[in-house]
Amino acid sequence: MSRTTQGGILLGSAVLFVIIWEIRSVLGIMAGVDIHPVIYGAATLGFVILVAIGLNLGLIRFSETADGSN
């Protein structure tokens, strides 16, 4: 994780936000579930912020190679 940049965390967080936000659209179209956009947006933003903080502090780690060695 030493090669993770602030820009990478920011870009990854933005992509995560869009993916989670689109889940709301899919639920509305496919399942007919209507979730209030302000509540869903706040919950999504809170989750993305927690993930970004975890990545920034090194609490969440991902293996850089397939065999698990860094």
N, C-alpha and C. Protein backbone atom coordinates (compact mmCIF):
# COMPACT_ATOMS: atom_id res chain seq x y z
N MET A 1 0.81 -1.20 0.00
CA MET A 1 0.00 0.00 0.00
C MET A 1 0.85 1.26 0.00
N SER A 2 2.15 1.12 0.07
CA SER A 2 2.99 2.30 0.12
C SER A 2 2.96 3.08 -1.19
N ARG A 3 2.50 2.44 -2.27
CA ARG A 3 2.44 3.13 -3.56
C ARG A 3 1.09 3.78 -3.82
N THR A 4 0.17 3.71 -2.86
CA THR A 4 -1.14 4.32 -3.02
C THR A 4 -1.01 5.83 -2.85
N THR A 5 -1.52 6.56 -3.82
CA THR A 5 -1.43 8.02 -3.77
C THR A 5 -2.75 8.61 -3.31
N GLN A 6 -2.71 9.85 -2.90
CA GLN A 6 -3.93 10.55 -2.50
C GLN A 6 -4.90 10.67 -3.68
N GLY A 7 -4.34 10.89 -4.86
CA GLY A 7 -5.18 10.97 -6.06
C GLY A 7 -5.87 9.65 -6.37
N GLY A 8 -5.15 8.55 -6.15
CA GLY A 8 -5.75 7.23 -6.38
C GLY A 8 -6.88 6.95 -5.42
N ILE A 9 -6.70 7.34 -4.17
CA ILE A 9 -7.75 7.16 -3.18
C ILE A 9 -8.95 8.04 -3.53
N LEU A 10 -8.71 9.26 -3.96
CA LEU A 10 -9.79 10.17 -4.34
C LEU A 10 -10.56 9.64 -5.55
N LEU A 11 -9.83 9.20 -6.56
CA LEU A 11 -10.47 8.67 -7.76
C LEU A 11 -11.24 7.39 -7.45
N GLY A 12 -10.64 6.51 -6.67
CA GLY A 12 -11.32 5.28 -6.28
C GLY A 12 -12.57 5.55 -5.47
N SER A 13 -12.52 6.54 -4.60
CA SER A 13 -13.69 6.91 -3.81
C SER A 13 -14.81 7.45 -4.69
N ALA A 14 -14.44 8.24 -5.69
CA ALA A 14 -15.46 8.77 -6.61
C ALA A 14 -16.12 7.64 -7.40
N VAL A 15 -15.33 6.70 -7.85
CA VAL A 15 -15.88 5.56 -8.60
C VAL A 15 -16.78 4.72 -7.69
N LEU A 16 -16.36 4.50 -6.45
CA LEU A 16 -17.18 3.75 -5.50
C LEU A 16 -18.50 4.46 -5.25
N PHE A 17 -18.47 5.78 -5.12
CA PHE A 17 -19.70 6.54 -4.93
C PHE A 17 -20.66 6.35 -6.10
N VAL A 18 -20.14 6.45 -7.31
CA VAL A 18 -20.99 6.29 -8.49
C VAL A 18 -21.58 4.89 -8.56
N ILE A 19 -20.79 3.87 -8.27
CA ILE A 19 -21.28 2.50 -8.30
C ILE A 19 -22.40 2.31 -7.29
N ILE A 20 -22.18 2.78 -6.06
CA ILE A 20 -23.22 2.62 -5.03
C ILE A 20 -24.45 3.45 -5.38
N TRP A 21 -24.27 4.63 -5.94
CA TRP A 21 -25.41 5.46 -6.32
C TRP A 21 -26.22 4.80 -7.42
N GLU A 22 -25.57 4.15 -8.36
CA GLU A 22 -26.28 3.48 -9.44
C GLU A 22 -27.08 2.27 -8.94
N ILE A 23 -26.67 1.69 -7.82
CA ILE A 23 -27.44 0.61 -7.23
C ILE A 23 -28.84 1.11 -6.88
N ARG A 24 -28.95 2.37 -6.45
CA ARG A 24 -30.26 2.96 -6.16
C ARG A 24 -31.12 2.99 -7.42
N SER A 25 -30.52 3.35 -8.54
CA SER A 25 -31.26 3.39 -9.80
C SER A 25 -31.74 2.00 -10.20
N VAL A 26 -30.89 1.02 -10.03
CA VAL A 26 -31.25 -0.36 -10.37
C VAL A 26 -32.38 -0.86 -9.48
N LEU A 27 -32.30 -0.55 -8.19
CA LEU A 27 -33.37 -0.96 -7.28
C LEU A 27 -34.69 -0.32 -7.68
N GLY A 28 -34.65 0.93 -8.10
CA GLY A 28 -35.86 1.62 -8.52
C GLY A 28 -36.45 1.05 -9.79
N ILE A 29 -35.60 0.73 -10.75
CA ILE A 29 -36.08 0.24 -12.04
C ILE A 29 -36.49 -1.23 -11.97
N MET A 30 -35.63 -2.06 -11.42
CA MET A 30 -35.86 -3.50 -11.44
C MET A 30 -36.79 -4.00 -10.33
N ALA A 31 -36.65 -3.43 -9.14
CA ALA A 31 -37.42 -3.96 -8.00
C ALA A 31 -38.55 -3.03 -7.58
N GLY A 32 -38.60 -1.85 -8.14
CA GLY A 32 -39.65 -0.91 -7.77
C GLY A 32 -39.48 -0.32 -6.39
N VAL A 33 -38.26 -0.34 -5.86
CA VAL A 33 -37.98 0.19 -4.54
C VAL A 33 -37.59 1.66 -4.69
N ASP A 34 -38.31 2.55 -4.00
CA ASP A 34 -38.00 3.97 -4.07
C ASP A 34 -37.32 4.40 -2.78
N ILE A 35 -36.04 4.70 -2.87
CA ILE A 35 -35.27 5.13 -1.71
C ILE A 35 -35.10 6.64 -1.80
N HIS A 36 -35.33 7.33 -0.69
CA HIS A 36 -35.21 8.79 -0.66
C HIS A 36 -33.78 9.19 -1.04
N PRO A 37 -33.63 10.04 -2.04
CA PRO A 37 -32.28 10.35 -2.54
C PRO A 37 -31.38 11.06 -1.54
N VAL A 38 -31.93 11.90 -0.68
CA VAL A 38 -31.10 12.62 0.29
C VAL A 38 -30.55 11.66 1.34
N ILE A 39 -31.40 10.79 1.84
CA ILE A 39 -30.96 9.82 2.85
C ILE A 39 -29.96 8.85 2.24
N TYR A 40 -30.26 8.34 1.04
CA TYR A 40 -29.37 7.40 0.38
C TYR A 40 -28.04 8.07 0.04
N GLY A 41 -28.09 9.32 -0.42
CA GLY A 41 -26.88 10.04 -0.76
C GLY A 41 -26.00 10.28 0.46
N ALA A 42 -26.62 10.64 1.58
CA ALA A 42 -25.85 10.87 2.80
C ALA A 42 -25.23 9.56 3.31
N ALA A 43 -25.99 8.47 3.26
CA ALA A 43 -25.46 7.18 3.70
C ALA A 43 -24.33 6.72 2.78
N THR A 44 -24.51 6.91 1.49
CA THR A 44 -23.47 6.55 0.53
C THR A 44 -22.21 7.37 0.74
N LEU A 45 -22.37 8.67 0.92
CA LEU A 45 -21.23 9.54 1.14
C LEU A 45 -20.51 9.16 2.43
N GLY A 46 -21.25 8.87 3.48
CA GLY A 46 -20.64 8.44 4.74
C GLY A 46 -19.83 7.17 4.58
N PHE A 47 -20.38 6.20 3.86
CA PHE A 47 -19.67 4.94 3.63
C PHE A 47 -18.40 5.16 2.82
N VAL A 48 -18.49 5.97 1.78
CA VAL A 48 -17.33 6.23 0.93
C VAL A 48 -16.25 6.97 1.72
N ILE A 49 -16.64 7.90 2.58
CA ILE A 49 -15.67 8.60 3.41
C ILE A 49 -14.96 7.63 4.35
N LEU A 50 -15.71 6.71 4.97
CA LEU A 50 -15.08 5.72 5.85
C LEU A 50 -14.09 4.83 5.10
N VAL A 51 -14.45 4.42 3.88
CA VAL A 51 -13.54 3.60 3.08
C VAL A 51 -12.29 4.39 2.72
N ALA A 52 -12.46 5.65 2.33
CA ALA A 52 -11.30 6.48 1.96
C ALA A 52 -10.38 6.70 3.16
N ILE A 53 -10.94 6.93 4.33
CA ILE A 53 -10.12 7.10 5.52
C ILE A 53 -9.38 5.80 5.84
N GLY A 54 -10.08 4.69 5.74
CA GLY A 54 -9.44 3.40 5.98
C GLY A 54 -8.30 3.13 5.02
N LEU A 55 -8.48 3.47 3.76
CA LEU A 55 -7.40 3.30 2.78
C LEU A 55 -6.23 4.24 3.07
N ASN A 56 -6.55 5.46 3.44
CA ASN A 56 -5.52 6.45 3.70
C ASN A 56 -4.67 6.07 4.92
N LEU A 57 -5.31 5.53 5.94
CA LEU A 57 -4.59 5.14 7.15
C LEU A 57 -3.94 3.77 7.04
N GLY A 58 -4.25 3.04 5.99
CA GLY A 58 -3.68 1.71 5.81
C GLY A 58 -4.45 0.63 6.55
N LEU A 59 -5.67 0.92 6.98
CA LEU A 59 -6.49 -0.07 7.69
C LEU A 59 -7.04 -1.12 6.73
N ILE A 60 -7.21 -0.74 5.47
CA ILE A 60 -7.69 -1.65 4.44
C ILE A 60 -6.52 -1.91 3.50
N ARG A 61 -6.14 -3.15 3.35
CA ARG A 61 -5.00 -3.48 2.49
C ARG A 61 -5.42 -4.47 1.42
N PHE A 62 -4.82 -4.32 0.26
CA PHE A 62 -5.05 -5.22 -0.85
C PHE A 62 -3.71 -5.77 -1.30
N SER A 63 -3.70 -7.04 -1.68
CA SER A 63 -2.47 -7.67 -2.16
C SER A 63 -2.13 -7.12 -3.53
N GLU A 64 -0.85 -6.87 -3.77
CA GLU A 64 -0.43 -6.34 -5.06
C GLU A 64 -0.18 -7.42 -6.08
N THR A 65 0.01 -8.65 -5.64
CA THR A 65 0.25 -9.76 -6.56
C THR A 65 -0.73 -10.88 -6.28
N ALA A 66 -0.83 -11.81 -7.21
CA ALA A 66 -1.79 -12.90 -7.09
C ALA A 66 -1.42 -13.87 -5.98
N ASP A 67 -0.14 -14.02 -5.67
CA ASP A 67 0.27 -14.97 -4.64
C ASP A 67 0.25 -14.40 -3.23
N GLY A 68 -0.11 -13.12 -3.09
CA GLY A 68 -0.25 -12.53 -1.78
C GLY A 68 1.00 -11.86 -1.24
N SER A 69 2.10 -11.91 -1.96
CA SER A 69 3.31 -11.24 -1.48
C SER A 69 3.31 -9.80 -1.92
N ASN A 70 3.87 -8.93 -1.09
CA ASN A 70 3.92 -7.50 -1.44
C ASN A 70 5.27 -7.13 -1.89
